[in-house]
């Protein structure tokens, strides 16, 4: 297969169906299900649900309604301080939401996520981004990438809830494939400090109905392309389900190594195993 530039991933029409699926799931849960632990650190199901409400309402407020985001209490001068800032505002909302019932949280998800879907459906593909995608190392991003990042948030947090309550994953492979296409764009940033010879290639081969092949190429820095060369310098093969778990912080410790098969120069796979397409 030849290498080709990755085309923009249009996720605008995907928000409504997965938001609808999430509301249907939450409506069918018992109150005790909202207290179950998740793979999202110390967050329970109810905390993940509250976070979905939070980022959906923030996006509507800042993007649709033009509210200027409140400035941080102190200047942010590093990536680590930015991560701390984001984690702090996320935690503030989750803590406050523990005074809300599961029914009310679900009502808020329905209102916020469906309104967000309507907003994105009407947003032009080339509309400017509200925020740069920080986990891709971008201060300014294209609009479709900013929207796609929000889609990955909605999808992977729903997946955290489904895993916690024993519900089946969403079946349409379009959703996970779009998530992976967006997530792969963070890999050049993950490899930014890795020295390699010009022309070295690292292929990520995600197998399964939602999978695909993407290749990092060393060309005055790293670029991510679609497809795979005949003989990559390294190839990392994993199931599509393992790929999202890796990139969205759903694996603990060295668990990722047991889910991937590496061919070629194994050391070139190390940054991939540490890469994350979320703010952590």
C-alpha atoms as a PDB file:
ATOM      1  CA  UNK A   1       0.000   0.000   0.000  1.00  0.00           C
ATOM      2  CA  UNK A   2       1.281   3.487  -0.793  1.00  0.00           C
ATOM      3  CA  UNK A   3       1.418   6.389   1.641  1.00  0.00           C
ATOM      4  CA  UNK A   4      -1.023   9.264   1.163  1.00  0.00           C
ATOM      5  CA  UNK A   5      -1.785  12.421   3.164  1.00  0.00           C
ATOM      6  CA  UNK A   6      -4.445  11.979   5.819  1.00  0.00           C
ATOM      7  CA  UNK A   7      -7.615  13.751   4.771  1.00  0.00           C
ATOM      8  CA  UNK A   8      -9.703  15.796   7.247  1.00  0.00           C
ATOM      9  CA  UNK A   9     -12.054  13.677   9.345  1.00  0.00           C
ATOM     10  CA  UNK A  10     -15.586  15.061   9.374  1.00  0.00           C
ATOM     11  CA  UNK A  11     -17.254  14.026  12.637  1.00  0.00           C
ATOM     12  CA  UNK A  12     -20.055  16.595  12.658  1.00  0.00           C
ATOM     13  CA  UNK A  13     -22.827  14.151  11.764  1.00  0.00           C
ATOM     14  CA  UNK A  14     -21.620  11.553  14.279  1.00  0.00           C
ATOM     15  CA  UNK A  15     -22.339  13.535  17.453  1.00  0.00           C
ATOM     16  CA  UNK A  16     -26.109  13.129  17.419  1.00  0.00           C
ATOM     17  CA  UNK A  17     -26.233   9.322  17.083  1.00  0.00           C
ATOM     18  CA  UNK A  18     -23.672   8.652  19.806  1.00  0.00           C
ATOM     19  CA  UNK A  19     -25.218  11.283  22.098  1.00  0.00           C
ATOM     20  CA  UNK A  20     -28.590   9.588  21.582  1.00  0.00           C
ATOM     21  CA  UNK A  21     -27.023   6.203  22.362  1.00  0.00           C
ATOM     22  CA  UNK A  22     -25.506   7.611  25.550  1.00  0.00           C
ATOM     23  CA  UNK A  23     -28.818   9.033  26.783  1.00  0.00           C
ATOM     24  CA  UNK A  24     -30.568   5.727  26.070  1.00  0.00           C
ATOM     25  CA  UNK A  25     -27.878   3.874  28.011  1.00  0.00           C
ATOM     26  CA  UNK A  26     -28.113   6.198  31.010  1.00  0.00           C
ATOM     27  CA  UNK A  27     -31.916   6.028  31.077  1.00  0.00           C
ATOM     28  CA  UNK A  28     -31.683   2.260  31.442  1.00  0.00           C
ATOM     29  CA  UNK A  29     -29.233   2.244  34.361  1.00  0.00           C
ATOM     30  CA  UNK A  30     -30.163   1.645  37.974  1.00  0.00           C
ATOM     31  CA  UNK A  31     -29.090   4.274  40.528  1.00  0.00           C
ATOM     32  CA  UNK A  32     -26.461   1.851  41.833  1.00  0.00           C
ATOM     33  CA  UNK A  33     -24.836   1.723  38.376  1.00  0.00           C
ATOM     34  CA  UNK A  34     -23.929   5.391  38.682  1.00  0.00           C
ATOM     35  CA  UNK A  35     -21.767   4.541  41.701  1.00  0.00           C
ATOM     36  CA  UNK A  36     -19.639   1.936  39.916  1.00  0.00           C
ATOM     37  CA  UNK A  37     -15.910   2.562  39.410  1.00  0.00           C
ATOM     38  CA  UNK A  38     -14.541   3.256  35.946  1.00  0.00           C
ATOM     39  CA  UNK A  39     -11.157   3.110  34.234  1.00  0.00           C
ATOM     40  CA  UNK A  40     -11.059   6.928  34.470  1.00  0.00           C
ATOM     41  CA  UNK A  41      -8.895   7.028  37.581  1.00  0.00           C
ATOM     42  CA  UNK A  42     -10.940   7.619  40.735  1.00  0.00           C
ATOM     43  CA  UNK A  43     -14.042   8.712  38.847  1.00  0.00           C
ATOM     44  CA  UNK A  44     -17.251   6.746  39.254  1.00  0.00           C
ATOM     45  CA  UNK A  45     -19.815   6.433  36.462  1.00  0.00           C
ATOM     46  CA  UNK A  46     -21.652   9.477  37.806  1.00  0.00           C
ATOM     47  CA  UNK A  47     -18.428  11.501  37.647  1.00  0.00           C
ATOM     48  CA  UNK A  48     -17.824  10.587  34.006  1.00  0.00           C
ATOM     49  CA  UNK A  49     -21.440  11.509  33.213  1.00  0.00           C
ATOM     50  CA  UNK A  50     -20.943  14.854  34.950  1.00  0.00           C
ATOM     51  CA  UNK A  51     -17.796  15.471  32.923  1.00  0.00           C
ATOM     52  CA  UNK A  52     -19.733  14.894  29.680  1.00  0.00           C
ATOM     53  CA  UNK A  53     -22.193  17.557  30.839  1.00  0.00           C
ATOM     54  CA  UNK A  54     -19.324  19.887  31.690  1.00  0.00           C
ATOM     55  CA  UNK A  55     -17.385  19.771  28.440  1.00  0.00           C
ATOM     56  CA  UNK A  56     -20.577  19.887  26.376  1.00  0.00           C
ATOM     57  CA  UNK A  57     -21.875  22.980  28.167  1.00  0.00           C
ATOM     58  CA  UNK A  58     -18.466  24.646  28.089  1.00  0.00           C
ATOM     59  CA  UNK A  59     -18.255  24.151  24.327  1.00  0.00           C
ATOM     60  CA  UNK A  60     -21.755  25.517  23.798  1.00  0.00           C
ATOM     61  CA  UNK A  61     -21.053  28.515  26.022  1.00  0.00           C
ATOM     62  CA  UNK A  62     -17.671  29.411  24.571  1.00  0.00           C
ATOM     63  CA  UNK A  63     -18.169  28.418  20.937  1.00  0.00           C
ATOM     64  CA  UNK A  64     -21.884  28.738  20.119  1.00  0.00           C
ATOM     65  CA  UNK A  65     -22.729  31.545  22.531  1.00  0.00           C
ATOM     66  CA  UNK A  66     -19.437  33.462  22.393  1.00  0.00           C
ATOM     67  CA  UNK A  67     -18.805  33.601  26.135  1.00  0.00           C
ATOM     68  CA  UNK A  68     -15.189  34.526  26.785  1.00  0.00           C
ATOM     69  CA  UNK A  69     -13.619  31.754  28.935  1.00  0.00           C
ATOM     70  CA  UNK A  70     -12.654  32.954  32.404  1.00  0.00           C
ATOM     71  CA  UNK A  71      -8.879  33.358  32.640  1.00  0.00           C
ATOM     72  CA  UNK A  72      -6.806  31.038  34.840  1.00  0.00           C
ATOM     73  CA  UNK A  73      -6.183  32.283  38.367  1.00  0.00           C
ATOM     74  CA  UNK A  74      -2.462  32.362  37.586  1.00  0.00           C
ATOM     75  CA  UNK A  75      -0.568  32.527  34.286  1.00  0.00           C
ATOM     76  CA  UNK A  76       0.131  29.219  32.525  1.00  0.00           C
ATOM     77  CA  UNK A  77       3.761  29.014  31.455  1.00  0.00           C
ATOM     78  CA  UNK A  78       4.283  25.327  30.648  1.00  0.00           C
ATOM     79  CA  UNK A  79       2.526  22.249  29.325  1.00  0.00           C
ATOM     80  CA  UNK A  80       2.512  20.762  32.815  1.00  0.00           C
ATOM     81  CA  UNK A  81       0.783  23.852  34.222  1.00  0.00           C
ATOM     82  CA  UNK A  82      -1.796  23.653  31.420  1.00  0.00           C
ATOM     83  CA  UNK A  83      -2.523  20.021  32.289  1.00  0.00           C
ATOM     84  CA  UNK A  84      -2.913  20.998  35.939  1.00  0.00           C
ATOM     85  CA  UNK A  85      -5.293  23.793  34.994  1.00  0.00           C
ATOM     86  CA  UNK A  86      -7.501  21.501  32.890  1.00  0.00           C
ATOM     87  CA  UNK A  87      -7.511  18.787  35.535  1.00  0.00           C
ATOM     88  CA  UNK A  88      -8.438  21.382  38.147  1.00  0.00           C
ATOM     89  CA  UNK A  89     -11.475  22.767  36.338  1.00  0.00           C
ATOM     90  CA  UNK A  90     -12.609  19.217  35.514  1.00  0.00           C
ATOM     91  CA  UNK A  91     -12.345  18.240  39.182  1.00  0.00           C
ATOM     92  CA  UNK A  92     -14.203  21.368  40.358  1.00  0.00           C
ATOM     93  CA  UNK A  93     -17.239  20.486  38.262  1.00  0.00           C
ATOM     94  CA  UNK A  94     -17.219  16.801  39.166  1.00  0.00           C
ATOM     95  CA  UNK A  95     -17.006  17.609  42.869  1.00  0.00           C
ATOM     96  CA  UNK A  96     -19.968  19.998  42.659  1.00  0.00           C
ATOM     97  CA  UNK A  97     -22.026  17.537  40.598  1.00  0.00           C
ATOM     98  CA  UNK A  98     -22.017  14.961  43.374  1.00  0.00           C
ATOM     99  CA  UNK A  99     -24.963  16.898  44.784  1.00  0.00           C
ATOM    100  CA  UNK A 100     -27.000  16.031  41.650  1.00  0.00           C
ATOM    101  CA  UNK A 101     -29.135  12.925  41.167  1.00  0.00           C
ATOM    102  CA  UNK A 102     -28.516  10.419  38.351  1.00  0.00           C
ATOM    103  CA  UNK A 103     -31.838  11.428  36.811  1.00  0.00           C
ATOM    104  CA  UNK A 104     -30.885  15.093  36.712  1.00  0.00           C
ATOM    105  CA  UNK A 105     -27.402  14.339  35.380  1.00  0.00           C
ATOM    106  CA  UNK A 106     -28.987  12.313  32.585  1.00  0.00           C
ATOM    107  CA  UNK A 107     -31.404  15.148  31.790  1.00  0.00           C
ATOM    108  CA  UNK A 108     -28.433  17.522  31.575  1.00  0.00           C
ATOM    109  CA  UNK A 109     -26.537  15.148  29.275  1.00  0.00           C
ATOM    110  CA  UNK A 110     -29.545  14.952  26.970  1.00  0.00           C
ATOM    111  CA  UNK A 111     -29.916  18.717  26.770  1.00  0.00           C
ATOM    112  CA  UNK A 112     -26.239  19.592  26.444  1.00  0.00           C
ATOM    113  CA  UNK A 113     -25.052  16.790  24.165  1.00  0.00           C
ATOM    114  CA  UNK A 114     -27.987  17.040  21.755  1.00  0.00           C
ATOM    115  CA  UNK A 115     -27.656  20.825  21.558  1.00  0.00           C
ATOM    116  CA  UNK A 116     -23.941  20.380  20.925  1.00  0.00           C
ATOM    117  CA  UNK A 117     -24.732  17.947  18.115  1.00  0.00           C
ATOM    118  CA  UNK A 118     -27.081  20.487  16.540  1.00  0.00           C
ATOM    119  CA  UNK A 119     -24.438  23.197  16.777  1.00  0.00           C
ATOM    120  CA  UNK A 120     -21.755  21.077  15.145  1.00  0.00           C
ATOM    121  CA  UNK A 121     -24.106  19.875  12.398  1.00  0.00           C
ATOM    122  CA  UNK A 122     -24.626  23.501  11.364  1.00  0.00           C
ATOM    123  CA  UNK A 123     -20.953  24.469  11.685  1.00  0.00           C
ATOM    124  CA  UNK A 124     -19.086  24.741   8.363  1.00  0.00           C
ATOM    125  CA  UNK A 125     -16.269  22.250   7.889  1.00  0.00           C
ATOM    126  CA  UNK A 126     -13.787  25.101   7.430  1.00  0.00           C
ATOM    127  CA  UNK A 127     -14.996  27.173  10.398  1.00  0.00           C
ATOM    128  CA  UNK A 128     -12.095  28.330  12.586  1.00  0.00           C
ATOM    129  CA  UNK A 129     -11.217  26.302  15.642  1.00  0.00           C
ATOM    130  CA  UNK A 130     -12.089  27.517  19.106  1.00  0.00           C
ATOM    131  CA  UNK A 131      -9.053  25.858  20.707  1.00  0.00           C
ATOM    132  CA  UNK A 132      -5.854  24.269  19.478  1.00  0.00           C
ATOM    133  CA  UNK A 133      -5.511  20.542  20.085  1.00  0.00           C
ATOM    134  CA  UNK A 134      -2.897  20.529  22.840  1.00  0.00           C
ATOM    135  CA  UNK A 135      -2.189  16.784  22.845  1.00  0.00           C
ATOM    136  CA  UNK A 136      -1.147  17.154  19.195  1.00  0.00           C
ATOM    137  CA  UNK A 137       1.220  19.984  20.170  1.00  0.00           C
ATOM    138  CA  UNK A 138      -0.878  22.609  18.383  1.00  0.00           C
ATOM    139  CA  UNK A 139      -1.576  26.118  19.609  1.00  0.00           C
ATOM    140  CA  UNK A 140      -3.854  26.699  16.623  1.00  0.00           C
ATOM    141  CA  UNK A 141      -5.697  23.869  14.859  1.00  0.00           C
ATOM    142  CA  UNK A 142      -7.984  23.506  11.898  1.00  0.00           C
ATOM    143  CA  UNK A 143     -11.639  23.687  12.837  1.00  0.00           C
ATOM    144  CA  UNK A 144     -12.540  20.117  11.880  1.00  0.00           C
ATOM    145  CA  UNK A 145      -9.702  18.852  14.129  1.00  0.00           C
ATOM    146  CA  UNK A 146     -10.975  20.874  17.080  1.00  0.00           C
ATOM    147  CA  UNK A 147     -14.479  19.452  16.515  1.00  0.00           C
ATOM    148  CA  UNK A 148     -13.038  15.960  16.052  1.00  0.00           C
ATOM    149  CA  UNK A 149     -11.252  16.224  19.388  1.00  0.00           C
ATOM    150  CA  UNK A 150     -14.633  16.869  21.032  1.00  0.00           C
ATOM    151  CA  UNK A 151     -16.024  13.813  19.267  1.00  0.00           C
ATOM    152  CA  UNK A 152     -13.260  11.624  20.686  1.00  0.00           C
ATOM    153  CA  UNK A 153     -14.117  12.984  24.140  1.00  0.00           C
ATOM    154  CA  UNK A 154     -17.777  12.063  23.825  1.00  0.00           C
ATOM    155  CA  UNK A 155     -16.998   8.640  22.375  1.00  0.00           C
ATOM    156  CA  UNK A 156     -14.311   7.516  24.799  1.00  0.00           C
ATOM    157  CA  UNK A 157     -16.129   8.733  27.915  1.00  0.00           C
ATOM    158  CA  UNK A 158     -19.217   6.836  26.778  1.00  0.00           C
ATOM    159  CA  UNK A 159     -16.998   3.802  26.348  1.00  0.00           C
ATOM    160  CA  UNK A 160     -15.709   4.202  29.910  1.00  0.00           C
ATOM    161  CA  UNK A 161     -19.308   4.142  31.144  1.00  0.00           C
ATOM    162  CA  UNK A 162     -20.184   1.105  29.025  1.00  0.00           C
ATOM    163  CA  UNK A 163     -17.204  -0.836  30.336  1.00  0.00           C
ATOM    164  CA  UNK A 164     -18.083   0.054  33.930  1.00  0.00           C
ATOM    165  CA  UNK A 165     -21.695  -1.129  33.718  1.00  0.00           C
ATOM    166  CA  UNK A 166     -21.102  -4.127  31.457  1.00  0.00           C
ATOM    167  CA  UNK A 167     -22.915  -2.657  28.445  1.00  0.00           C
ATOM    168  CA  UNK A 168     -21.938  -3.570  24.899  1.00  0.00           C
ATOM    169  CA  UNK A 169     -19.776  -1.173  22.899  1.00  0.00           C
ATOM    170  CA  UNK A 170     -21.311   0.910  20.152  1.00  0.00           C
ATOM    171  CA  UNK A 171     -21.523  -1.382  17.139  1.00  0.00           C
ATOM    172  CA  UNK A 172     -21.116   0.996  14.187  1.00  0.00           C
ATOM    173  CA  UNK A 173     -17.402   0.861  13.227  1.00  0.00           C
ATOM    174  CA  UNK A 174     -17.580   4.377  11.765  1.00  0.00           C
ATOM    175  CA  UNK A 175     -17.445   5.843  15.260  1.00  0.00           C
ATOM    176  CA  UNK A 176     -14.287   4.122  16.459  1.00  0.00           C
ATOM    177  CA  UNK A 177     -12.594   4.545  13.073  1.00  0.00           C
ATOM    178  CA  UNK A 178     -13.173   8.306  13.273  1.00  0.00           C
ATOM    179  CA  UNK A 179     -11.827   8.315  16.835  1.00  0.00           C
ATOM    180  CA  UNK A 180      -8.654   6.539  15.711  1.00  0.00           C
ATOM    181  CA  UNK A 181      -8.179   8.826  12.696  1.00  0.00           C
ATOM    182  CA  UNK A 182      -8.338  11.867  14.963  1.00  0.00           C
ATOM    183  CA  UNK A 183      -6.137  10.298  17.646  1.00  0.00           C
ATOM    184  CA  UNK A 184      -3.368   9.320  15.226  1.00  0.00           C
ATOM    185  CA  UNK A 185      -2.741  12.975  14.484  1.00  0.00           C
ATOM    186  CA  UNK A 186      -1.190  13.345  17.913  1.00  0.00           C
ATOM    187  CA  UNK A 187       1.639  10.917  17.163  1.00  0.00           C
ATOM    188  CA  UNK A 188       4.094  13.367  15.510  1.00  0.00           C
ATOM    189  CA  UNK A 189       4.005  15.352  18.761  1.00  0.00           C
ATOM    190  CA  UNK A 190       4.528  12.182  20.804  1.00  0.00           C
ATOM    191  CA  UNK A 191       7.628  11.433  18.695  1.00  0.00           C
ATOM    192  CA  UNK A 192       8.997  14.991  18.674  1.00  0.00           C
ATOM    193  CA  UNK A 193      12.070  14.181  20.792  1.00  0.00           C
ATOM    194  CA  UNK A 194      12.872  10.856  19.123  1.00  0.00           C
ATOM    195  CA  UNK A 195      15.935  10.861  16.863  1.00  0.00           C
ATOM    196  CA  UNK A 196      15.769   8.765  13.740  1.00  0.00           C
ATOM    197  CA  UNK A 197      17.242   8.599  10.261  1.00  0.00           C
ATOM    198  CA  UNK A 198      15.498  10.564   7.527  1.00  0.00           C
ATOM    199  CA  UNK A 199      13.061   8.197   5.847  1.00  0.00           C
ATOM    200  CA  UNK A 200      12.510   5.933   8.853  1.00  0.00           C
ATOM    201  CA  UNK A 201       8.898   4.741   9.030  1.00  0.00           C
ATOM    202  CA  UNK A 202       6.732   3.419  11.837  1.00  0.00           C
ATOM    203  CA  UNK A 203       3.473   1.794  10.778  1.00  0.00           C
ATOM    204  CA  UNK A 204       0.519   1.469  13.131  1.00  0.00           C
ATOM    205  CA  UNK A 205      -1.685  -1.360  11.907  1.00  0.00           C
ATOM    206  CA  UNK A 206      -5.016  -1.421  13.755  1.00  0.00           C
ATOM    207  CA  UNK A 207      -6.918  -4.567  12.831  1.00  0.00           C
ATOM    208  CA  UNK A 208     -10.664  -5.087  13.043  1.00  0.00           C
ATOM    209  CA  UNK A 209     -13.756  -3.478  11.476  1.00  0.00           C
ATOM    210  CA  UNK A 210     -12.864   0.011  12.745  1.00  0.00           C
ATOM    211  CA  UNK A 211      -9.152  -0.276  12.059  1.00  0.00           C
ATOM    212  CA  UNK A 212      -6.777   1.083   9.470  1.00  0.00           C
ATOM    213  CA  UNK A 213      -3.112   1.669   8.747  1.00  0.00           C
ATOM    214  CA  UNK A 214      -1.185   4.842   9.480  1.00  0.00           C
ATOM    215  CA  UNK A 215       2.534   5.514   9.156  1.00  0.00           C
ATOM    216  CA  UNK A 216       4.871   7.989  10.827  1.00  0.00           C
ATOM    217  CA  UNK A 217       7.592   9.143   8.449  1.00  0.00           C
ATOM    218  CA  UNK A 218      10.771  10.956   9.468  1.00  0.00           C
ATOM    219  CA  UNK A 219      11.071  13.962   7.145  1.00  0.00           C
ATOM    220  CA  UNK A 220      12.645  16.991   8.829  1.00  0.00           C
ATOM    221  CA  UNK A 221      10.521  16.008  11.804  1.00  0.00           C
ATOM    222  CA  UNK A 222       7.738  13.467  11.912  1.00  0.00           C
ATOM    223  CA  UNK A 223       4.681  13.338   9.652  1.00  0.00           C
ATOM    224  CA  UNK A 224       1.669  11.030   9.899  1.00  0.00           C
ATOM    225  CA  UNK A 225       0.290   9.562   6.669  1.00  0.00           C
ATOM    226  CA  UNK A 226      -2.372   7.043   5.712  1.00  0.00           C
ATOM    227  CA  UNK A 227      -1.326   3.600   4.544  1.00  0.00           C
ATOM    228  CA  UNK A 228       1.794   1.503   5.009  1.00  0.00           C
ATOM    229  CA  UNK A 229       5.043   1.061   3.069  1.00  0.00           C
ATOM    230  CA  UNK A 230       6.137  -2.380   1.921  1.00  0.00           C
ATOM    231  CA  UNK A 231       8.941  -2.591   4.489  1.00  0.00           C
ATOM    232  CA  UNK A 232       8.521  -0.144   7.402  1.00  0.00           C
ATOM    233  CA  UNK A 233      11.388   0.406   9.828  1.00  0.00           C
ATOM    234  CA  UNK A 234       9.002  -0.720  12.570  1.00  0.00           C
ATOM    235  CA  UNK A 235       5.433  -1.978  12.573  1.00  0.00           C
ATOM    236  CA  UNK A 236       3.137  -2.024  15.591  1.00  0.00           C
ATOM    237  CA  UNK A 237       0.072  -4.210  15.104  1.00  0.00           C
ATOM    238  CA  UNK A 238      -2.885  -4.238  17.504  1.00  0.00           C
ATOM    239  CA  UNK A 239      -6.658  -4.678  17.496  1.00  0.00           C
ATOM    240  CA  UNK A 240      -8.786  -1.586  16.962  1.00  0.00           C
ATOM    241  CA  UNK A 241     -10.164  -2.022  20.499  1.00  0.00           C
ATOM    242  CA  UNK A 242      -6.617  -2.071  21.905  1.00  0.00           C
ATOM    243  CA  UNK A 243      -5.669   1.027  19.897  1.00  0.00           C
ATOM    244  CA  UNK A 244      -8.268   3.261  21.527  1.00  0.00           C
ATOM    245  CA  UNK A 245      -7.473   1.876  24.976  1.00  0.00           C
ATOM    246  CA  UNK A 246      -3.817   2.720  24.453  1.00  0.00           C
ATOM    247  CA  UNK A 247      -4.325   6.242  23.119  1.00  0.00           C
ATOM    248  CA  UNK A 248      -7.075   7.196  25.569  1.00  0.00           C
ATOM    249  CA  UNK A 249      -5.342   6.146  28.769  1.00  0.00           C
ATOM    250  CA  UNK A 250      -7.460   3.043  29.333  1.00  0.00           C
ATOM    251  CA  UNK A 251      -4.546   0.695  30.037  1.00  0.00           C
ATOM    252  CA  UNK A 252      -2.549   0.449  33.227  1.00  0.00           C
ATOM    253  CA  UNK A 253       1.187  -0.033  33.627  1.00  0.00           C
ATOM    254  CA  UNK A 254       2.772  -2.280  31.028  1.00  0.00           C
ATOM    255  CA  UNK A 255      -0.551  -3.708  29.846  1.00  0.00           C
ATOM    256  CA  UNK A 256      -0.109  -2.135  26.389  1.00  0.00           C
ATOM    257  CA  UNK A 257       2.913  -4.298  25.584  1.00  0.00           C
ATOM    258  CA  UNK A 258       0.844  -7.426  25.955  1.00  0.00           C
ATOM    259  CA  UNK A 259      -1.674  -6.171  23.402  1.00  0.00           C
ATOM    260  CA  UNK A 260       0.668  -5.234  20.578  1.00  0.00           C
ATOM    261  CA  UNK A 261       2.909  -7.133  18.175  1.00  0.00           C
ATOM    262  CA  UNK A 262       6.067  -5.275  17.167  1.00  0.00           C
ATOM    263  CA  UNK A 263       8.166  -6.028  14.104  1.00  0.00           C
ATOM    264  CA  UNK A 264      11.411  -4.318  13.150  1.00  0.00           C
ATOM    265  CA  UNK A 265      13.156  -1.813  15.425  1.00  0.00           C
ATOM    266  CA  UNK A 266      11.279  -2.331  18.661  1.00  0.00           C
ATOM    267  CA  UNK A 267      12.617   0.838  20.321  1.00  0.00           C
ATOM    268  CA  UNK A 268      10.698   2.938  17.812  1.00  0.00           C
ATOM    269  CA  UNK A 269       7.455   1.621  19.308  1.00  0.00           C
ATOM    270  CA  UNK A 270       8.188   3.024  22.783  1.00  0.00           C
ATOM    271  CA  UNK A 271       6.827   6.559  22.162  1.00  0.00           C
ATOM    272  CA  UNK A 272       3.639   5.072  20.699  1.00  0.00           C
ATOM    273  CA  UNK A 273       3.068   3.000  23.833  1.00  0.00           C
ATOM    274  CA  UNK A 274       3.398   6.191  25.901  1.00  0.00           C
ATOM    275  CA  UNK A 275       1.335   8.417  23.570  1.00  0.00           C
ATOM    276  CA  UNK A 276      -2.030   9.768  24.700  1.00  0.00           C
ATOM    277  CA  UNK A 277      -4.706  11.593  22.703  1.00  0.00           C
ATOM    278  CA  UNK A 278      -6.114  13.230  25.821  1.00  0.00           C
ATOM    279  CA  UNK A 279      -4.821  15.859  28.241  1.00  0.00           C
ATOM    280  CA  UNK A 280      -2.955  13.942  30.957  1.00  0.00           C
END
